[in-house]
Amino acid sequence: MRKHPNLLREYTPTAAEEVFVSDITYVQSAQGVHYLSLANDVYNRKIMGYGLSNEIKATDVVKALEMTIKQRIYKRNAIHHSDRGLQYCSEVYQMRN
């Protein structure tokens, strides 16, 4: 698995779509536990991508990333940050990122 350095240690975004953060949380419903993958714009806190699944797989976080890429207005370089969990370090995610 490939882990990237933390680029946000001493960095504050100054514009929208400059820094995105991704994470996974769980949501309980009458049907059971579901996993919500989110990608947020750090500058304005806008949810740019999401995915809801019954499993916690790398392909599900890829869906949130792909939605984020499609939603972008500005096509400049950006920083993508995650907790470096298994899904984000997986080959399927690294190939898309």
PDB file of N, CA and C in Angstrom:
ATOM      1  N   MET A   1       0.827  -1.180   0.000  1.00  0.00           N
ATOM      2  CA  MET A   1       0.000   0.000   0.000  1.00  0.00           C
ATOM      3  C   MET A   1       0.874   1.248   0.000  1.00  0.00           C
ATOM      4  N   ARG A   2       0.438   2.233  -0.713  1.00  0.00           N
ATOM      5  CA  ARG A   2       1.201   3.468  -0.846  1.00  0.00           C
ATOM      6  C   ARG A   2       0.570   4.571   0.003  1.00  0.00           C
ATOM      7  N   LYS A   3       1.383   5.177   0.870  1.00  0.00           N
ATOM      8  CA  LYS A   3       0.918   6.296   1.687  1.00  0.00           C
ATOM      9  C   LYS A   3       1.667   7.551   1.261  1.00  0.00           C
ATOM     10  N   HIS A   4       0.931   8.639   1.137  1.00  0.00           N
ATOM     11  CA  HIS A   4       1.506   9.913   0.722  1.00  0.00           C
ATOM     12  C   HIS A   4       1.744  10.798   1.948  1.00  0.00           C
ATOM     13  N   PRO A   5       2.645  11.756   1.838  1.00  0.00           N
ATOM     14  CA  PRO A   5       2.909  12.657   2.984  1.00  0.00           C
ATOM     15  C   PRO A   5       1.720  13.585   3.246  1.00  0.00           C
ATOM     16  N   ASN A   6       1.611  14.057   4.480  1.00  0.00           N
ATOM     17  CA  ASN A   6       0.575  15.000   4.868  1.00  0.00           C
ATOM     18  C   ASN A   6       0.980  16.393   4.395  1.00  0.00           C
ATOM     19  N   LEU A   7       0.300  16.910   3.380  1.00  0.00           N
ATOM     20  CA  LEU A   7       0.610  18.228   2.822  1.00  0.00           C
ATOM     21  C   LEU A   7      -0.123  19.355   3.538  1.00  0.00           C
ATOM     22  N   LEU A   8      -1.023  19.005   4.452  1.00  0.00           N
ATOM     23  CA  LEU A   8      -1.836  20.020   5.121  1.00  0.00           C
ATOM     24  C   LEU A   8      -1.318  20.423   6.489  1.00  0.00           C
ATOM     25  N   ARG A   9      -0.193  19.923   6.865  1.00  0.00           N
ATOM     26  CA  ARG A   9       0.335  20.182   8.205  1.00  0.00           C
ATOM     27  C   ARG A   9       0.341  21.661   8.553  1.00  0.00           C
ATOM     28  N   GLU A  10       0.802  22.494   7.663  1.00  0.00           N
ATOM     29  CA  GLU A  10       0.847  23.937   7.911  1.00  0.00           C
ATOM     30  C   GLU A  10       0.331  24.694   6.687  1.00  0.00           C
ATOM     31  N   TYR A  11      -0.792  24.243   6.148  1.00  0.00           N
ATOM     32  CA  TYR A  11      -1.340  24.830   4.926  1.00  0.00           C
ATOM     33  C   TYR A  11      -2.789  25.236   5.158  1.00  0.00           C
ATOM     34  N   THR A  12      -3.139  26.435   4.764  1.00  0.00           N
ATOM     35  CA  THR A  12      -4.514  26.921   4.858  1.00  0.00           C
ATOM     36  C   THR A  12      -4.967  27.303   3.455  1.00  0.00           C
ATOM     37  N   PRO A  13      -6.064  26.701   2.975  1.00  0.00           N
ATOM     38  CA  PRO A  13      -6.530  27.040   1.629  1.00  0.00           C
ATOM     39  C   PRO A  13      -7.011  28.490   1.554  1.00  0.00           C
ATOM     40  N   THR A  14      -6.831  29.097   0.399  1.00  0.00           N
ATOM     41  CA  THR A  14      -7.236  30.484   0.190  1.00  0.00           C
ATOM     42  C   THR A  14      -8.340  30.619  -0.855  1.00  0.00           C
ATOM     43  N   ALA A  15      -8.767  29.490  -1.440  1.00  0.00           N
ATOM     44  CA  ALA A  15      -9.802  29.523  -2.474  1.00  0.00           C
ATOM     45  C   ALA A  15     -10.536  28.178  -2.515  1.00  0.00           C
ATOM     46  N   ALA A  16     -11.711  28.202  -3.109  1.00  0.00           N
ATOM     47  CA  ALA A  16     -12.498  26.979  -3.279  1.00  0.00           C
ATOM     48  C   ALA A  16     -11.759  26.000  -4.182  1.00  0.00           C
ATOM     49  N   GLU A  17     -11.978  24.732  -3.942  1.00  0.00           N
ATOM     50  CA  GLU A  17     -11.435  23.629  -4.738  1.00  0.00           C
ATOM     51  C   GLU A  17      -9.909  23.580  -4.741  1.00  0.00           C
ATOM     52  N   GLU A  18      -9.317  24.078  -3.693  1.00  0.00           N
ATOM     53  CA  GLU A  18      -7.871  24.030  -3.547  1.00  0.00           C
ATOM     54  C   GLU A  18      -7.450  22.806  -2.732  1.00  0.00           C
ATOM     55  N   VAL A  19      -8.283  22.441  -1.737  1.00  0.00           N
ATOM     56  CA  VAL A  19      -8.005  21.300  -0.869  1.00  0.00           C
ATOM     57  C   VAL A  19      -9.297  20.524  -0.653  1.00  0.00           C
ATOM     58  N   PHE A  20      -9.204  19.210  -0.858  1.00  0.00           N
ATOM     59  CA  PHE A  20     -10.325  18.312  -0.589  1.00  0.00           C
ATOM     60  C   PHE A  20      -9.922  17.319   0.486  1.00  0.00           C
ATOM     61  N   VAL A  21     -10.832  17.026   1.394  1.00  0.00           N
ATOM     62  CA  VAL A  21     -10.594  15.988   2.401  1.00  0.00           C
ATOM     63  C   VAL A  21     -11.654  14.908   2.236  1.00  0.00           C
ATOM     64  N   SER A  22     -11.241  13.676   2.426  1.00  0.00           N
ATOM     65  CA  SER A  22     -12.143  12.531   2.297  1.00  0.00           C
ATOM     66  C   SER A  22     -12.141  11.730   3.582  1.00  0.00           C
ATOM     67  N   ASP A  23     -13.306  11.167   3.884  1.00  0.00           N
ATOM     68  CA  ASP A  23     -13.429  10.312   5.064  1.00  0.00           C
ATOM     69  C   ASP A  23     -14.640   9.409   4.900  1.00  0.00           C
ATOM     70  N   ILE A  24     -14.712   8.414   5.768  1.00  0.00           N
ATOM     71  CA  ILE A  24     -15.815   7.458   5.782  1.00  0.00           C
ATOM     72  C   ILE A  24     -16.419   7.464   7.179  1.00  0.00           C
ATOM     73  N   THR A  25     -17.730   7.455   7.238  1.00  0.00           N
ATOM     74  CA  THR A  25     -18.434   7.308   8.507  1.00  0.00           C
ATOM     75  C   THR A  25     -19.536   6.285   8.306  1.00  0.00           C
ATOM     76  N   TYR A  26     -20.171   5.891   9.394  1.00  0.00           N
ATOM     77  CA  TYR A  26     -21.258   4.933   9.241  1.00  0.00           C
ATOM     78  C   TYR A  26     -22.570   5.571   9.668  1.00  0.00           C
ATOM     79  N   VAL A  27     -23.656   5.076   9.077  1.00  0.00           N
ATOM     80  CA  VAL A  27     -25.007   5.546   9.357  1.00  0.00           C
ATOM     81  C   VAL A  27     -25.842   4.315   9.670  1.00  0.00           C
ATOM     82  N   GLN A  28     -26.524   4.347  10.786  1.00  0.00           N
ATOM     83  CA  GLN A  28     -27.387   3.223  11.182  1.00  0.00           C
ATOM     84  C   GLN A  28     -28.819   3.537  10.738  1.00  0.00           C
ATOM     85  N   SER A  29     -29.484   2.524  10.176  1.00  0.00           N
ATOM     86  CA  SER A  29     -30.889   2.656   9.786  1.00  0.00           C
ATOM     87  C   SER A  29     -31.619   1.382  10.181  1.00  0.00           C
ATOM     88  N   ALA A  30     -32.898   1.347   9.911  1.00  0.00           N
ATOM     89  CA  ALA A  30     -33.691   0.149  10.202  1.00  0.00           C
ATOM     90  C   ALA A  30     -33.191  -1.045   9.385  1.00  0.00           C
ATOM     91  N   GLN A  31     -32.545  -0.783   8.257  1.00  0.00           N
ATOM     92  CA  GLN A  31     -32.018  -1.851   7.394  1.00  0.00           C
ATOM     93  C   GLN A  31     -30.627  -2.311   7.816  1.00  0.00           C
ATOM     94  N   GLY A  32     -30.004  -1.632   8.762  1.00  0.00           N
ATOM     95  CA  GLY A  32     -28.674  -2.025   9.212  1.00  0.00           C
ATOM     96  C   GLY A  32     -27.688  -0.880   9.142  1.00  0.00           C
ATOM     97  N   VAL A  33     -26.414  -1.231   9.083  1.00  0.00           N
ATOM     98  CA  VAL A  33     -25.345  -0.238   9.036  1.00  0.00           C
ATOM     99  C   VAL A  33     -24.979   0.043   7.580  1.00  0.00           C
ATOM    100  N   HIS A  34     -24.804   1.316   7.261  1.00  0.00           N
ATOM    101  CA  HIS A  34     -24.392   1.750   5.927  1.00  0.00           C
ATOM    102  C   HIS A  34     -23.151   2.621   6.096  1.00  0.00           C
ATOM    103  N   TYR A  35     -22.318   2.658   5.081  1.00  0.00           N
ATOM    104  CA  TYR A  35     -21.081   3.423   5.130  1.00  0.00           C
ATOM    105  C   TYR A  35     -21.166   4.591   4.157  1.00  0.00           C
ATOM    106  N   LEU A  36     -20.903   5.778   4.668  1.00  0.00           N
ATOM    107  CA  LEU A  36     -20.992   7.001   3.885  1.00  0.00           C
ATOM    108  C   LEU A  36     -19.581   7.535   3.638  1.00  0.00           C
ATOM    109  N   SER A  37     -19.212   7.601   2.367  1.00  0.00           N
ATOM    110  CA  SER A  37     -17.922   8.154   1.954  1.00  0.00           C
ATOM    111  C   SER A  37     -18.165   9.586   1.488  1.00  0.00           C
ATOM    112  N   LEU A  38     -17.389  10.523   2.015  1.00  0.00           N
ATOM    113  CA  LEU A  38     -17.560  11.931   1.673  1.00  0.00           C
ATOM    114  C   LEU A  38     -16.247  12.544   1.220  1.00  0.00           C
ATOM    115  N   ALA A  39     -16.345  13.518   0.331  1.00  0.00           N
ATOM    116  CA  ALA A  39     -15.209  14.349  -0.055  1.00  0.00           C
ATOM    117  C   ALA A  39     -15.678  15.794   0.038  1.00  0.00           C
ATOM    118  N   ASN A  40     -15.018  16.564   0.883  1.00  0.00           N
ATOM    119  CA  ASN A  40     -15.414  17.953   1.137  1.00  0.00           C
ATOM    120  C   ASN A  40     -14.353  18.926   0.652  1.00  0.00           C
ATOM    121  N   ASP A  41     -14.817  20.098   0.216  1.00  0.00           N
ATOM    122  CA  ASP A  41     -13.939  21.220  -0.079  1.00  0.00           C
ATOM    123  C   ASP A  41     -13.622  21.883   1.265  1.00  0.00           C
ATOM    124  N   VAL A  42     -12.359  21.959   1.628  1.00  0.00           N
ATOM    125  CA  VAL A  42     -11.969  22.508   2.926  1.00  0.00           C
ATOM    126  C   VAL A  42     -12.291  23.999   3.028  1.00  0.00           C
ATOM    127  N   TYR A  43     -12.140  24.732   1.953  1.00  0.00           N
ATOM    128  CA  TYR A  43     -12.314  26.182   1.986  1.00  0.00           C
ATOM    129  C   TYR A  43     -13.750  26.578   2.335  1.00  0.00           C
ATOM    130  N   ASN A  44     -14.724  25.991   1.651  1.00  0.00           N
ATOM    131  CA  ASN A  44     -16.122  26.382   1.870  1.00  0.00           C
ATOM    132  C   ASN A  44     -16.983  25.287   2.506  1.00  0.00           C
ATOM    133  N   ARG A  45     -16.357  24.157   2.836  1.00  0.00           N
ATOM    134  CA  ARG A  45     -17.023  23.024   3.489  1.00  0.00           C
ATOM    135  C   ARG A  45     -18.125  22.377   2.643  1.00  0.00           C
ATOM    136  N   LYS A  46     -18.097  22.602   1.376  1.00  0.00           N
ATOM    137  CA  LYS A  46     -19.075  22.014   0.463  1.00  0.00           C
ATOM    138  C   LYS A  46     -18.785  20.531   0.257  1.00  0.00           C
ATOM    139  N   ILE A  47     -19.805  19.698   0.323  1.00  0.00           N
ATOM    140  CA  ILE A  47     -19.662  18.281  -0.009  1.00  0.00           C
ATOM    141  C   ILE A  47     -19.604  18.183  -1.527  1.00  0.00           C
ATOM    142  N   MET A  48     -18.479  17.721  -2.031  1.00  0.00           N
ATOM    143  CA  MET A  48     -18.277  17.637  -3.474  1.00  0.00           C
ATOM    144  C   MET A  48     -18.583  16.249  -4.026  1.00  0.00           C
ATOM    145  N   GLY A  49     -18.432  15.233  -3.192  1.00  0.00           N
ATOM    146  CA  GLY A  49     -18.694  13.861  -3.625  1.00  0.00           C
ATOM    147  C   GLY A  49     -19.105  13.014  -2.448  1.00  0.00           C
ATOM    148  N   TYR A  50     -19.909  12.006  -2.743  1.00  0.00           N
ATOM    149  CA  TYR A  50     -20.361  11.103  -1.678  1.00  0.00           C
ATOM    150  C   TYR A  50     -20.728   9.753  -2.278  1.00  0.00           C
ATOM    151  N   GLY A  51     -20.788   8.766  -1.422  1.00  0.00           N
ATOM    152  CA  GLY A  51     -21.235   7.434  -1.799  1.00  0.00           C
ATOM    153  C   GLY A  51     -21.745   6.731  -0.558  1.00  0.00           C
ATOM    154  N   LEU A  52     -22.836   6.013  -0.688  1.00  0.00           N
ATOM    155  CA  LEU A  52     -23.432   5.272   0.419  1.00  0.00           C
ATOM    156  C   LEU A  52     -23.476   3.801   0.030  1.00  0.00           C
ATOM    157  N   SER A  53     -23.007   2.942   0.928  1.00  0.00           N
ATOM    158  CA  SER A  53     -22.898   1.520   0.612  1.00  0.00           C
ATOM    159  C   SER A  53     -23.146   0.680   1.856  1.00  0.00           C
ATOM    160  N   ASN A  54     -23.478  -0.573   1.633  1.00  0.00           N
ATOM    161  CA  ASN A  54     -23.633  -1.527   2.731  1.00  0.00           C
ATOM    162  C   ASN A  54     -22.303  -2.142   3.129  1.00  0.00           C
ATOM    163  N   GLU A  55     -21.262  -1.872   2.335  1.00  0.00           N
ATOM    164  CA  GLU A  55     -19.931  -2.400   2.605  1.00  0.00           C
ATOM    165  C   GLU A  55     -18.953  -1.240   2.664  1.00  0.00           C
ATOM    166  N   ILE A  56     -17.776  -1.514   3.166  1.00  0.00           N
ATOM    167  CA  ILE A  56     -16.752  -0.466   3.268  1.00  0.00           C
ATOM    168  C   ILE A  56     -15.581  -0.875   2.361  1.00  0.00           C
ATOM    169  N   LYS A  57     -15.755  -0.612   1.054  1.00  0.00           N
ATOM    170  CA  LYS A  57     -14.788  -1.052   0.057  1.00  0.00           C
ATOM    171  C   LYS A  57     -14.119   0.132  -0.612  1.00  0.00           C
ATOM    172  N   ALA A  58     -12.950  -0.123  -1.158  1.00  0.00           N
ATOM    173  CA  ALA A  58     -12.204   0.923  -1.868  1.00  0.00           C
ATOM    174  C   ALA A  58     -12.996   1.449  -3.063  1.00  0.00           C
ATOM    175  N   THR A  59     -13.723   0.581  -3.740  1.00  0.00           N
ATOM    176  CA  THR A  59     -14.488   1.030  -4.909  1.00  0.00           C
ATOM    177  C   THR A  59     -15.568   2.038  -4.528  1.00  0.00           C
ATOM    178  N   ASP A  60     -16.040   1.987  -3.292  1.00  0.00           N
ATOM    179  CA  ASP A  60     -17.059   2.935  -2.846  1.00  0.00           C
ATOM    180  C   ASP A  60     -16.465   4.326  -2.606  1.00  0.00           C
ATOM    181  N   VAL A  61     -15.242   4.403  -2.081  1.00  0.00           N
ATOM    182  CA  VAL A  61     -14.613   5.714  -1.903  1.00  0.00           C
ATOM    183  C   VAL A  61     -14.168   6.278  -3.248  1.00  0.00           C
ATOM    184  N   VAL A  62     -13.898   5.423  -4.211  1.00  0.00           N
ATOM    185  CA  VAL A  62     -13.582   5.883  -5.564  1.00  0.00           C
ATOM    186  C   VAL A  62     -14.785   6.609  -6.156  1.00  0.00           C
ATOM    187  N   LYS A  63     -15.993   6.119  -5.896  1.00  0.00           N
ATOM    188  CA  LYS A  63     -17.207   6.779  -6.405  1.00  0.00           C
ATOM    189  C   LYS A  63     -17.306   8.210  -5.882  1.00  0.00           C
ATOM    190  N   ALA A  64     -17.010   8.417  -4.611  1.00  0.00           N
ATOM    191  CA  ALA A  64     -17.038   9.766  -4.038  1.00  0.00           C
ATOM    192  C   ALA A  64     -15.974  10.648  -4.685  1.00  0.00           C
ATOM    193  N   LEU A  65     -14.799  10.100  -4.923  1.00  0.00           N
ATOM    194  CA  LEU A  65     -13.728  10.860  -5.573  1.00  0.00           C
ATOM    195  C   LEU A  65     -14.114  11.227  -7.006  1.00  0.00           C
ATOM    196  N   GLU A  66     -14.678  10.297  -7.739  1.00  0.00           N
ATOM    197  CA  GLU A  66     -15.071  10.567  -9.121  1.00  0.00           C
ATOM    198  C   GLU A  66     -16.160  11.637  -9.189  1.00  0.00           C
ATOM    199  N   MET A  67     -17.106  11.603  -8.241  1.00  0.00           N
ATOM    200  CA  MET A  67     -18.139  12.631  -8.185  1.00  0.00           C
ATOM    201  C   MET A  67     -17.500  13.994  -7.911  1.00  0.00           C
ATOM    202  N   THR A  68     -16.524  14.015  -7.024  1.00  0.00           N
ATOM    203  CA  THR A  68     -15.818  15.257  -6.700  1.00  0.00           C
ATOM    204  C   THR A  68     -15.149  15.830  -7.943  1.00  0.00           C
ATOM    205  N   ILE A  69     -14.481  14.989  -8.684  1.00  0.00           N
ATOM    206  CA  ILE A  69     -13.792  15.438  -9.901  1.00  0.00           C
ATOM    207  C   ILE A  69     -14.791  16.007 -10.908  1.00  0.00           C
ATOM    208  N   LYS A  70     -15.937  15.368 -11.070  1.00  0.00           N
ATOM    209  CA  LYS A  70     -16.964  15.845 -12.009  1.00  0.00           C
ATOM    210  C   LYS A  70     -17.578  17.170 -11.564  1.00  0.00           C
ATOM    211  N   GLN A  71     -17.684  17.383 -10.254  1.00  0.00           N
ATOM    212  CA  GLN A  71     -18.311  18.591  -9.710  1.00  0.00           C
ATOM    213  C   GLN A  71     -17.407  19.820  -9.772  1.00  0.00           C
ATOM    214  N   ARG A  72     -16.121  19.606  -9.962  1.00  0.00           N
ATOM    215  CA  ARG A  72     -15.179  20.734  -9.932  1.00  0.00           C
ATOM    216  C   ARG A  72     -15.457  21.740 -11.036  1.00  0.00           C
ATOM    217  N   ILE A  73     -15.365  23.000 -10.675  1.00  0.00           N
ATOM    218  CA  ILE A  73     -15.512  24.092 -11.633  1.00  0.00           C
ATOM    219  C   ILE A  73     -14.131  24.530 -12.111  1.00  0.00           C
ATOM    220  N   TYR A  74     -13.203  24.664 -11.168  1.00  0.00           N
ATOM    221  CA  TYR A  74     -11.842  25.101 -11.466  1.00  0.00           C
ATOM    222  C   TYR A  74     -10.978  23.877 -11.761  1.00  0.00           C
ATOM    223  N   LYS A  75     -10.188  23.948 -12.789  1.00  0.00           N
ATOM    224  CA  LYS A  75      -9.388  22.800 -13.213  1.00  0.00           C
ATOM    225  C   LYS A  75      -7.920  22.928 -12.827  1.00  0.00           C
ATOM    226  N   ARG A  76      -7.620  23.708 -11.808  1.00  0.00           N
ATOM    227  CA  ARG A  76      -6.240  23.844 -11.340  1.00  0.00           C
ATOM    228  C   ARG A  76      -5.880  22.664 -10.439  1.00  0.00           C
ATOM    229  N   ASN A  77      -4.613  22.547 -10.122  1.00  0.00           N
ATOM    230  CA  ASN A  77      -4.159  21.493  -9.222  1.00  0.00           C
ATOM    231  C   ASN A  77      -4.798  21.652  -7.853  1.00  0.00           C
ATOM    232  N   ALA A  78      -4.984  20.532  -7.167  1.00  0.00           N
ATOM    233  CA  ALA A  78      -5.591  20.547  -5.836  1.00  0.00           C
ATOM    234  C   ALA A  78      -4.894  19.514  -4.964  1.00  0.00           C
ATOM    235  N   ILE A  79      -5.029  19.696  -3.663  1.00  0.00           N
ATOM    236  CA  ILE A  79      -4.523  18.735  -2.690  1.00  0.00           C
ATOM    237  C   ILE A  79      -5.695  17.868  -2.252  1.00  0.00           C
ATOM    238  N   HIS A  80      -5.471  16.573  -2.229  1.00  0.00           N
ATOM    239  CA  HIS A  80      -6.476  15.633  -1.721  1.00  0.00           C
ATOM    240  C   HIS A  80      -5.917  15.004  -0.454  1.00  0.00           C
ATOM    241  N   HIS A  81      -6.683  15.072   0.630  1.00  0.00           N
ATOM    242  CA  HIS A  81      -6.222  14.579   1.922  1.00  0.00           C
ATOM    243  C   HIS A  81      -7.219  13.558   2.469  1.00  0.00           C
ATOM    244  N   SER A  82      -6.690  12.492   3.055  1.00  0.00           N
ATOM    245  CA  SER A  82      -7.526  11.494   3.730  1.00  0.00           C
ATOM    246  C   SER A  82      -6.783  11.012   4.973  1.00  0.00           C
ATOM    247  N   ASP A  83      -7.428  10.132   5.712  1.00  0.00           N
ATOM    248  CA  ASP A  83      -6.780   9.587   6.919  1.00  0.00           C
ATOM    249  C   ASP A  83      -5.805   8.464   6.588  1.00  0.00           C
ATOM    250  N   ARG A  84      -5.599   8.196   5.318  1.00  0.00           N
ATOM    251  CA  ARG A  84      -4.683   7.142   4.841  1.00  0.00           C
ATOM    252  C   ARG A  84      -5.118   5.753   5.296  1.00  0.00           C
ATOM    253  N   GLY A  85      -6.415   5.564   5.421  1.00  0.00           N
ATOM    254  CA  GLY A  85      -6.952   4.251   5.752  1.00  0.00           C
ATOM    255  C   GLY A  85      -6.779   3.278   4.603  1.00  0.00           C
ATOM    256  N   LEU A  86      -7.128   2.035   4.841  1.00  0.00           N
ATOM    257  CA  LEU A  86      -6.936   0.971   3.840  1.00  0.00           C
ATOM    258  C   LEU A  86      -7.569   1.296   2.494  1.00  0.00           C
ATOM    259  N   GLN A  87      -8.772   1.842   2.510  1.00  0.00           N
ATOM    260  CA  GLN A  87      -9.463   2.129   1.251  1.00  0.00           C
ATOM    261  C   GLN A  87      -8.708   3.170   0.435  1.00  0.00           C
ATOM    262  N   TYR A  88      -8.176   4.190   1.115  1.00  0.00           N
ATOM    263  CA  TYR A  88      -7.472   5.268   0.411  1.00  0.00           C
ATOM    264  C   TYR A  88      -6.071   4.865  -0.033  1.00  0.00           C
ATOM    265  N   CYS A  89      -5.490   3.892   0.624  1.00  0.00           N
ATOM    266  CA  CYS A  89      -4.153   3.411   0.255  1.00  0.00           C
ATOM    267  C   CYS A  89      -4.208   2.260  -0.745  1.00  0.00           C
ATOM    268  N   SER A  90      -5.407   1.789  -1.052  1.00  0.00           N
ATOM    269  CA  SER A  90      -5.559   0.645  -1.949  1.00  0.00           C
ATOM    270  C   SER A  90      -5.150   1.002  -3.380  1.00  0.00           C
ATOM    271  N   GLU A  91      -4.815   0.008  -4.136  1.00  0.00           N
ATOM    272  CA  GLU A  91      -4.403   0.216  -5.526  1.00  0.00           C
ATOM    273  C   GLU A  91      -5.525   0.821  -6.360  1.00  0.00           C
ATOM    274  N   VAL A  92      -6.756   0.374  -6.174  1.00  0.00           N
ATOM    275  CA  VAL A  92      -7.873   0.873  -6.977  1.00  0.00           C
ATOM    276  C   VAL A  92      -8.075   2.375  -6.734  1.00  0.00           C
ATOM    277  N   TYR A  93      -7.883   2.834  -5.524  1.00  0.00           N
ATOM    278  CA  TYR A  93      -8.024   4.258  -5.221  1.00  0.00           C
ATOM    279  C   TYR A  93      -6.809   5.034  -5.737  1.00  0.00           C
ATOM    280  N   GLN A  94      -5.633   4.506  -5.528  1.00  0.00           N
ATOM    281  CA  GLN A  94      -4.403   5.178  -5.956  1.00  0.00           C
ATOM    282  C   GLN A  94      -4.371   5.340  -7.491  1.00  0.00           C
ATOM    283  N   MET A  95      -4.912   4.380  -8.212  1.00  0.00           N
ATOM    284  CA  MET A  95      -4.924   4.455  -9.665  1.00  0.00           C
ATOM    285  C   MET A  95      -5.845   5.582 -10.145  1.00  0.00           C
ATOM    286  N   ARG A  96      -6.873   5.889  -9.382  1.00  0.00           N
ATOM    287  CA  ARG A  96      -7.839   6.928  -9.775  1.00  0.00           C
ATOM    288  C   ARG A  96      -7.401   8.310  -9.305  1.00  0.00           C
ATOM    289  N   ASN A  97      -6.672   8.349  -8.220  1.00  0.00           N
ATOM    290  CA  ASN A  97      -6.331   9.622  -7.584  1.00  0.00           C
ATOM    291  C   ASN A  97      -5.284  10.384  -8.352  1.00  0.00           C
TER     292      ASN A  97
END
